[in-house]
């Protein structure tokens, strides 16, 4: 499942860190998904790893959430339309 989600393209904002040197990489679509590197290439490699870890974490938390809901632990799941 993670492989399918990882196949999606994510926008990455690269920002030069003028104070400390290097580059900061941010994924606006994934709040808190940030990495850095000494070069643009390193920052992009590191953000790929950060994206994978971020998505794996969300997948794990979602599985835990659904497991608790199935056990009737005070969690209800509902579908709503916007």
PDB file of N, CA and C in Angstrom:
ATOM      1  N   UNK A   1       0.823  -1.194   0.000  1.00  0.00           N
ATOM      2  CA  UNK A   1       0.000   0.000   0.000  1.00  0.00           C
ATOM      3  C   UNK A   1       0.870   1.262   0.000  1.00  0.00           C
ATOM      4  N   UNK A   2       1.922   1.267   0.812  1.00  0.00           N
ATOM      5  CA  UNK A   2       2.804   2.428   0.864  1.00  0.00           C
ATOM      6  C   UNK A   2       3.426   2.684  -0.499  1.00  0.00           C
ATOM      7  N   UNK A   3       3.758   1.624  -1.226  1.00  0.00           N
ATOM      8  CA  UNK A   3       4.370   1.793  -2.540  1.00  0.00           C
ATOM      9  C   UNK A   3       3.439   2.556  -3.478  1.00  0.00           C
ATOM     10  N   UNK A   4       2.139   2.264  -3.406  1.00  0.00           N
ATOM     11  CA  UNK A   4       1.166   2.966  -4.250  1.00  0.00           C
ATOM     12  C   UNK A   4       1.096   4.445  -3.878  1.00  0.00           C
ATOM     13  N   UNK A   5       1.118   4.726  -2.600  1.00  0.00           N
ATOM     14  CA  UNK A   5       1.064   6.120  -2.154  1.00  0.00           C
ATOM     15  C   UNK A   5       2.376   6.831  -2.493  1.00  0.00           C
ATOM     16  N   UNK A   6       3.493   6.122  -2.354  1.00  0.00           N
ATOM     17  CA  UNK A   6       4.787   6.716  -2.669  1.00  0.00           C
ATOM     18  C   UNK A   6       4.915   7.014  -4.162  1.00  0.00           C
ATOM     19  N   UNK A   7       4.148   6.309  -4.991  1.00  0.00           N
ATOM     20  CA  UNK A   7       4.194   6.552  -6.431  1.00  0.00           C
ATOM     21  C   UNK A   7       3.613   7.924  -6.784  1.00  0.00           C
ATOM     22  N   UNK A   8       2.833   8.499  -5.868  1.00  0.00           N
ATOM     23  CA  UNK A   8       2.308   9.849  -6.095  1.00  0.00           C
ATOM     24  C   UNK A   8       3.456  10.845  -6.161  1.00  0.00           C
ATOM     25  N   UNK A   9       3.242  11.917  -6.847  1.00  0.00           N
ATOM     26  CA  UNK A   9       4.236  12.991  -6.903  1.00  0.00           C
ATOM     27  C   UNK A   9       3.880  14.028  -5.842  1.00  0.00           C
ATOM     28  N   UNK A  10       4.878  14.479  -5.111  1.00  0.00           N
ATOM     29  CA  UNK A  10       4.697  15.495  -4.086  1.00  0.00           C
ATOM     30  C   UNK A  10       5.540  16.709  -4.438  1.00  0.00           C
ATOM     31  N   UNK A  11       4.980  17.883  -4.262  1.00  0.00           N
ATOM     32  CA  UNK A  11       5.725  19.115  -4.488  1.00  0.00           C
ATOM     33  C   UNK A  11       6.709  19.319  -3.345  1.00  0.00           C
ATOM     34  N   UNK A  12       7.921  19.704  -3.695  1.00  0.00           N
ATOM     35  CA  UNK A  12       8.958  19.965  -2.699  1.00  0.00           C
ATOM     36  C   UNK A  12       9.452  21.393  -2.889  1.00  0.00           C
ATOM     37  N   UNK A  13       9.459  22.130  -1.802  1.00  0.00           N
ATOM     38  CA  UNK A  13       9.994  23.488  -1.819  1.00  0.00           C
ATOM     39  C   UNK A  13      11.418  23.411  -1.270  1.00  0.00           C
ATOM     40  N   UNK A  14      12.382  23.831  -2.089  1.00  0.00           N
ATOM     41  CA  UNK A  14      13.783  23.878  -1.663  1.00  0.00           C
ATOM     42  C   UNK A  14      14.143  25.317  -1.323  1.00  0.00           C
ATOM     43  N   UNK A  15      14.697  25.493  -0.145  1.00  0.00           N
ATOM     44  CA  UNK A  15      15.057  26.840   0.291  1.00  0.00           C
ATOM     45  C   UNK A  15      16.506  26.820   0.751  1.00  0.00           C
ATOM     46  N   UNK A  16      17.277  27.755   0.240  1.00  0.00           N
ATOM     47  CA  UNK A  16      18.670  27.857   0.666  1.00  0.00           C
ATOM     48  C   UNK A  16      18.723  28.381   2.094  1.00  0.00           C
ATOM     49  N   UNK A  17      19.498  27.729   2.941  1.00  0.00           N
ATOM     50  CA  UNK A  17      19.667  28.154   4.327  1.00  0.00           C
ATOM     51  C   UNK A  17      20.900  29.053   4.395  1.00  0.00           C
ATOM     52  N   UNK A  18      20.669  30.349   4.315  1.00  0.00           N
ATOM     53  CA  UNK A  18      21.775  31.309   4.239  1.00  0.00           C
ATOM     54  C   UNK A  18      22.526  31.434   5.559  1.00  0.00           C
ATOM     55  N   UNK A  19      21.862  31.128   6.673  1.00  0.00           N
ATOM     56  CA  UNK A  19      22.520  31.234   7.982  1.00  0.00           C
ATOM     57  C   UNK A  19      23.466  30.065   8.229  1.00  0.00           C
ATOM     58  N   UNK A  20      22.961  28.839   8.029  1.00  0.00           N
ATOM     59  CA  UNK A  20      23.745  27.647   8.358  1.00  0.00           C
ATOM     60  C   UNK A  20      24.353  26.975   7.138  1.00  0.00           C
ATOM     61  N   UNK A  21      23.979  27.425   5.948  1.00  0.00           N
ATOM     62  CA  UNK A  21      24.452  26.785   4.728  1.00  0.00           C
ATOM     63  C   UNK A  21      23.583  25.591   4.388  1.00  0.00           C
ATOM     64  N   UNK A  22      23.676  25.111   3.177  1.00  0.00           N
ATOM     65  CA  UNK A  22      22.883  23.966   2.754  1.00  0.00           C
ATOM     66  C   UNK A  22      21.495  24.377   2.306  1.00  0.00           C
ATOM     67  N   UNK A  23      20.614  23.374   2.274  1.00  0.00           N
ATOM     68  CA  UNK A  23      19.258  23.581   1.774  1.00  0.00           C
ATOM     69  C   UNK A  23      18.248  22.885   2.678  1.00  0.00           C
ATOM     70  N   UNK A  24      17.081  23.481   2.783  1.00  0.00           N
ATOM     71  CA  UNK A  24      15.961  22.907   3.514  1.00  0.00           C
ATOM     72  C   UNK A  24      14.917  22.487   2.481  1.00  0.00           C
ATOM     73  N   UNK A  25      14.367  21.292   2.639  1.00  0.00           N
ATOM     74  CA  UNK A  25      13.329  20.780   1.741  1.00  0.00           C
ATOM     75  C   UNK A  25      12.049  20.601   2.542  1.00  0.00           C
ATOM     76  N   UNK A  26      10.942  21.131   2.017  1.00  0.00           N
ATOM     77  CA  UNK A  26       9.648  21.089   2.691  1.00  0.00           C
ATOM     78  C   UNK A  26       8.615  20.530   1.717  1.00  0.00           C
ATOM     79  N   UNK A  27       7.729  19.656   2.219  1.00  0.00           N
ATOM     80  CA  UNK A  27       6.629  19.119   1.414  1.00  0.00           C
ATOM     81  C   UNK A  27       5.342  19.760   1.937  1.00  0.00           C
ATOM     82  N   UNK A  28       4.833  20.790   1.256  1.00  0.00           N
ATOM     83  CA  UNK A  28       3.650  21.505   1.754  1.00  0.00           C
ATOM     84  C   UNK A  28       2.425  20.608   1.946  1.00  0.00           C
ATOM     85  N   UNK A  29       2.287  19.571   1.140  1.00  0.00           N
ATOM     86  CA  UNK A  29       1.125  18.682   1.228  1.00  0.00           C
ATOM     87  C   UNK A  29       1.169  17.773   2.456  1.00  0.00           C
ATOM     88  N   UNK A  30       2.350  17.648   3.069  1.00  0.00           N
ATOM     89  CA  UNK A  30       2.520  16.775   4.228  1.00  0.00           C
ATOM     90  C   UNK A  30       3.034  17.613   5.399  1.00  0.00           C
ATOM     91  N   UNK A  31       2.129  18.200   6.176  1.00  0.00           N
ATOM     92  CA  UNK A  31       2.530  19.097   7.263  1.00  0.00           C
ATOM     93  C   UNK A  31       3.586  18.479   8.180  1.00  0.00           C
ATOM     94  N   UNK A  32       4.663  19.209   8.375  1.00  0.00           N
ATOM     95  CA  UNK A  32       5.733  18.744   9.240  1.00  0.00           C
ATOM     96  C   UNK A  32       6.769  17.880   8.547  1.00  0.00           C
ATOM     97  N   UNK A  33       6.590  17.607   7.264  1.00  0.00           N
ATOM     98  CA  UNK A  33       7.543  16.790   6.515  1.00  0.00           C
ATOM     99  C   UNK A  33       8.633  17.716   5.972  1.00  0.00           C
ATOM    100  N   UNK A  34       9.756  17.732   6.688  1.00  0.00           N
ATOM    101  CA  UNK A  34      10.856  18.652   6.392  1.00  0.00           C
ATOM    102  C   UNK A  34      12.167  17.886   6.496  1.00  0.00           C
ATOM    103  N   UNK A  35      13.117  18.229   5.652  1.00  0.00           N
ATOM    104  CA  UNK A  35      14.458  17.653   5.735  1.00  0.00           C
ATOM    105  C   UNK A  35      15.450  18.694   5.241  1.00  0.00           C
ATOM    106  N   UNK A  36      16.718  18.333   5.237  1.00  0.00           N
ATOM    107  CA  UNK A  36      17.727  19.263   4.750  1.00  0.00           C
ATOM    108  C   UNK A  36      18.903  18.495   4.170  1.00  0.00           C
ATOM    109  N   UNK A  37      19.868  19.234   3.659  1.00  0.00           N
ATOM    110  CA  UNK A  37      21.074  18.638   3.114  1.00  0.00           C
ATOM    111  C   UNK A  37      22.077  19.714   2.786  1.00  0.00           C
ATOM    112  N   UNK A  38      23.328  19.309   2.633  1.00  0.00           N
ATOM    113  CA  UNK A  38      24.378  20.266   2.304  1.00  0.00           C
ATOM    114  C   UNK A  38      24.247  20.794   0.883  1.00  0.00           C
ATOM    115  N   UNK A  39      23.682  19.966  -0.013  1.00  0.00           N
ATOM    116  CA  UNK A  39      23.470  20.362  -1.406  1.00  0.00           C
ATOM    117  C   UNK A  39      22.003  20.158  -1.760  1.00  0.00           C
ATOM    118  N   UNK A  40      21.572  20.694  -2.904  1.00  0.00           N
ATOM    119  CA  UNK A  40      20.198  20.473  -3.353  1.00  0.00           C
ATOM    120  C   UNK A  40      19.935  18.983  -3.536  1.00  0.00           C
ATOM    121  N   UNK A  41      20.897  18.284  -4.133  1.00  0.00           N
ATOM    122  CA  UNK A  41      20.735  16.858  -4.395  1.00  0.00           C
ATOM    123  C   UNK A  41      20.575  16.063  -3.102  1.00  0.00           C
ATOM    124  N   UNK A  42      21.387  16.402  -2.099  1.00  0.00           N
ATOM    125  CA  UNK A  42      21.303  15.714  -0.811  1.00  0.00           C
ATOM    126  C   UNK A  42      19.972  16.025  -0.119  1.00  0.00           C
ATOM    127  N   UNK A  43      19.536  17.277  -0.185  1.00  0.00           N
ATOM    128  CA  UNK A  43      18.255  17.656   0.422  1.00  0.00           C
ATOM    129  C   UNK A  43      17.111  16.895  -0.242  1.00  0.00           C
ATOM    130  N   UNK A  44      17.159  16.727  -1.577  1.00  0.00           N
ATOM    131  CA  UNK A  44      16.111  15.978  -2.281  1.00  0.00           C
ATOM    132  C   UNK A  44      16.149  14.493  -1.920  1.00  0.00           C
ATOM    133  N   UNK A  45      17.340  13.923  -1.796  1.00  0.00           N
ATOM    134  CA  UNK A  45      17.451  12.518  -1.382  1.00  0.00           C
ATOM    135  C   UNK A  45      16.866  12.350   0.028  1.00  0.00           C
ATOM    136  N   UNK A  46      17.232  13.266   0.916  1.00  0.00           N
ATOM    137  CA  UNK A  46      16.758  13.176   2.299  1.00  0.00           C
ATOM    138  C   UNK A  46      15.249  13.369   2.402  1.00  0.00           C
ATOM    139  N   UNK A  47      14.676  14.248   1.576  1.00  0.00           N
ATOM    140  CA  UNK A  47      13.228  14.472   1.664  1.00  0.00           C
ATOM    141  C   UNK A  47      12.484  13.260   1.144  1.00  0.00           C
ATOM    142  N   UNK A  48      13.057  12.524   0.187  1.00  0.00           N
ATOM    143  CA  UNK A  48      12.422  11.282  -0.259  1.00  0.00           C
ATOM    144  C   UNK A  48      12.304  10.299   0.909  1.00  0.00           C
ATOM    145  N   UNK A  49      13.378  10.190   1.680  1.00  0.00           N
ATOM    146  CA  UNK A  49      13.353   9.323   2.867  1.00  0.00           C
ATOM    147  C   UNK A  49      12.324   9.833   3.879  1.00  0.00           C
ATOM    148  N   UNK A  50      12.280  11.150   4.073  1.00  0.00           N
ATOM    149  CA  UNK A  50      11.340  11.744   5.030  1.00  0.00           C
ATOM    150  C   UNK A  50       9.892  11.498   4.595  1.00  0.00           C
ATOM    151  N   UNK A  51       9.625  11.586   3.294  1.00  0.00           N
ATOM    152  CA  UNK A  51       8.272  11.338   2.787  1.00  0.00           C
ATOM    153  C   UNK A  51       7.870   9.899   3.082  1.00  0.00           C
ATOM    154  N   UNK A  52       8.765   8.950   2.803  1.00  0.00           N
ATOM    155  CA  UNK A  52       8.466   7.542   3.060  1.00  0.00           C
ATOM    156  C   UNK A  52       8.160   7.321   4.549  1.00  0.00           C
ATOM    157  N   UNK A  53       8.998   7.855   5.423  1.00  0.00           N
ATOM    158  CA  UNK A  53       8.776   7.697   6.864  1.00  0.00           C
ATOM    159  C   UNK A  53       7.470   8.353   7.302  1.00  0.00           C
ATOM    160  N   UNK A  54       7.177   9.506   6.773  1.00  0.00           N
ATOM    161  CA  UNK A  54       5.947  10.220   7.093  1.00  0.00           C
ATOM    162  C   UNK A  54       4.739   9.370   6.715  1.00  0.00           C
ATOM    163  N   UNK A  55       4.740   8.853   5.483  1.00  0.00           N
ATOM    164  CA  UNK A  55       3.602   8.064   5.003  1.00  0.00           C
ATOM    165  C   UNK A  55       3.487   6.732   5.738  1.00  0.00           C
ATOM    166  N   UNK A  56       4.615   6.108   6.059  1.00  0.00           N
ATOM    167  CA  UNK A  56       4.580   4.866   6.842  1.00  0.00           C
ATOM    168  C   UNK A  56       3.984   5.120   8.222  1.00  0.00           C
ATOM    169  N   UNK A  57       4.342   6.243   8.827  1.00  0.00           N
ATOM    170  CA  UNK A  57       3.812   6.602  10.146  1.00  0.00           C
ATOM    171  C   UNK A  57       2.301   6.791  10.099  1.00  0.00           C
ATOM    172  N   UNK A  58       1.825   7.504   9.073  1.00  0.00           N
ATOM    173  CA  UNK A  58       0.382   7.710   8.926  1.00  0.00           C
ATOM    174  C   UNK A  58      -0.334   6.386   8.714  1.00  0.00           C
ATOM    175  N   UNK A  59       0.240   5.516   7.893  1.00  0.00           N
ATOM    176  CA  UNK A  59      -0.372   4.208   7.629  1.00  0.00           C
ATOM    177  C   UNK A  59      -0.460   3.393   8.916  1.00  0.00           C
ATOM    178  N   UNK A  60       0.596   3.414   9.720  1.00  0.00           N
ATOM    179  CA  UNK A  60       0.585   2.676  10.989  1.00  0.00           C
ATOM    180  C   UNK A  60      -0.465   3.233  11.941  1.00  0.00           C
ATOM    181  N   UNK A  61      -0.545   4.546  12.045  1.00  0.00           N
ATOM    182  CA  UNK A  61      -1.530   5.162  12.936  1.00  0.00           C
ATOM    183  C   UNK A  61      -2.955   4.876  12.457  1.00  0.00           C
ATOM    184  N   UNK A  62      -3.162   4.859  11.155  1.00  0.00           N
ATOM    185  CA  UNK A  62      -4.487   4.558  10.604  1.00  0.00           C
ATOM    186  C   UNK A  62      -4.889   3.127  10.943  1.00  0.00           C
ATOM    187  N   UNK A  63      -3.941   2.195  10.804  1.00  0.00           N
ATOM    188  CA  UNK A  63      -4.232   0.790  11.166  1.00  0.00           C
ATOM    189  C   UNK A  63      -4.584   0.676  12.643  1.00  0.00           C
ATOM    190  N   UNK A  64      -3.841   1.361  13.510  1.00  0.00           N
ATOM    191  CA  UNK A  64      -4.124   1.337  14.950  1.00  0.00           C
ATOM    192  C   UNK A  64      -5.508   1.912  15.236  1.00  0.00           C
ATOM    193  N   UNK A  65      -5.829   3.021  14.583  1.00  0.00           N
ATOM    194  CA  UNK A  65      -7.115   3.683  14.763  1.00  0.00           C
ATOM    195  C   UNK A  65      -8.254   2.734  14.395  1.00  0.00           C
ATOM    196  N   UNK A  66      -8.143   2.074  13.236  1.00  0.00           N
ATOM    197  CA  UNK A  66      -9.186   1.154  12.796  1.00  0.00           C
ATOM    198  C   UNK A  66      -9.288  -0.062  13.712  1.00  0.00           C
ATOM    199  N   UNK A  67      -8.167  -0.533  14.222  1.00  0.00           N
ATOM    200  CA  UNK A  67      -8.188  -1.663  15.150  1.00  0.00           C
ATOM    201  C   UNK A  67      -8.926  -1.284  16.432  1.00  0.00           C
ATOM    202  N   UNK A  68      -8.680  -0.088  16.947  1.00  0.00           N
ATOM    203  CA  UNK A  68      -9.381   0.373  18.149  1.00  0.00           C
ATOM    204  C   UNK A  68     -10.874   0.530  17.881  1.00  0.00           C
ATOM    205  N   UNK A  69     -11.217   1.060  16.714  1.00  0.00           N
ATOM    206  CA  UNK A  69     -12.623   1.251  16.371  1.00  0.00           C
ATOM    207  C   UNK A  69     -13.346  -0.093  16.307  1.00  0.00           C
ATOM    208  N   UNK A  70     -12.697  -1.105  15.762  1.00  0.00           N
ATOM    209  CA  UNK A  70     -13.311  -2.432  15.658  1.00  0.00           C
ATOM    210  C   UNK A  70     -13.532  -3.053  17.030  1.00  0.00           C
ATOM    211  N   UNK A  71     -12.675  -2.685  17.994  1.00  0.00           N
ATOM    212  CA  UNK A  71     -12.801  -3.223  19.346  1.00  0.00           C
ATOM    213  C   UNK A  71     -13.798  -2.416  20.180  1.00  0.00           C
ATOM    214  N   UNK A  72     -14.394  -1.370  19.596  1.00  0.00           N
ATOM    215  CA  UNK A  72     -15.370  -0.564  20.317  1.00  0.00           C
ATOM    216  C   UNK A  72     -14.761   0.267  21.418  1.00  0.00           C
ATOM    217  N   UNK A  73     -13.603   0.810  21.191  1.00  0.00           N
ATOM    218  CA  UNK A  73     -12.901   1.590  22.204  1.00  0.00           C
ATOM    219  C   UNK A  73     -13.285   3.060  22.180  1.00  0.00           C
ATOM    220  N   UNK A  74     -14.548   3.364  21.974  1.00  0.00           N
ATOM    221  CA  UNK A  74     -14.999   4.750  22.000  1.00  0.00           C
ATOM    222  C   UNK A  74     -14.679   5.529  20.745  1.00  0.00           C
ATOM    223  N   UNK A  75     -14.370   4.822  19.668  1.00  0.00           N
ATOM    224  CA  UNK A  75     -14.066   5.484  18.401  1.00  0.00           C
ATOM    225  C   UNK A  75     -15.074   5.025  17.375  1.00  0.00           C
ATOM    226  N   UNK A  76     -15.719   5.966  16.726  1.00  0.00           N
ATOM    227  CA  UNK A  76     -16.639   5.659  15.639  1.00  0.00           C
ATOM    228  C   UNK A  76     -16.072   6.185  14.332  1.00  0.00           C
ATOM    229  N   UNK A  77     -16.303   5.444  13.258  1.00  0.00           N
ATOM    230  CA  UNK A  77     -15.872   5.889  11.944  1.00  0.00           C
ATOM    231  C   UNK A  77     -17.119   6.150  11.122  1.00  0.00           C
ATOM    232  N   UNK A  78     -17.180   7.325  10.498  1.00  0.00           N
ATOM    233  CA  UNK A  78     -18.326   7.688   9.689  1.00  0.00           C
ATOM    234  C   UNK A  78     -17.852   8.309   8.383  1.00  0.00           C
ATOM    235  N   UNK A  79     -18.679   8.200   7.350  1.00  0.00           N
ATOM    236  CA  UNK A  79     -18.385   8.861   6.075  1.00  0.00           C
ATOM    237  C   UNK A  79     -19.282  10.078   5.958  1.00  0.00           C
ATOM    238  N   UNK A  80     -18.707  11.182   5.538  1.00  0.00           N
ATOM    239  CA  UNK A  80     -19.474  12.416   5.370  1.00  0.00           C
ATOM    240  C   UNK A  80     -19.126  13.043   4.026  1.00  0.00           C
ATOM    241  N   UNK A  81     -20.040  13.812   3.498  1.00  0.00           N
ATOM    242  CA  UNK A  81     -19.793  14.563   2.272  1.00  0.00           C
ATOM    243  C   UNK A  81     -19.522  16.004   2.627  1.00  0.00           C
ATOM    244  N   UNK A  82     -18.728  16.661   1.809  1.00  0.00           N
ATOM    245  CA  UNK A  82     -18.407  18.067   2.069  1.00  0.00           C
ATOM    246  C   UNK A  82     -19.552  18.956   1.674  1.00  0.00           C
TER     247      UNK A  82
END
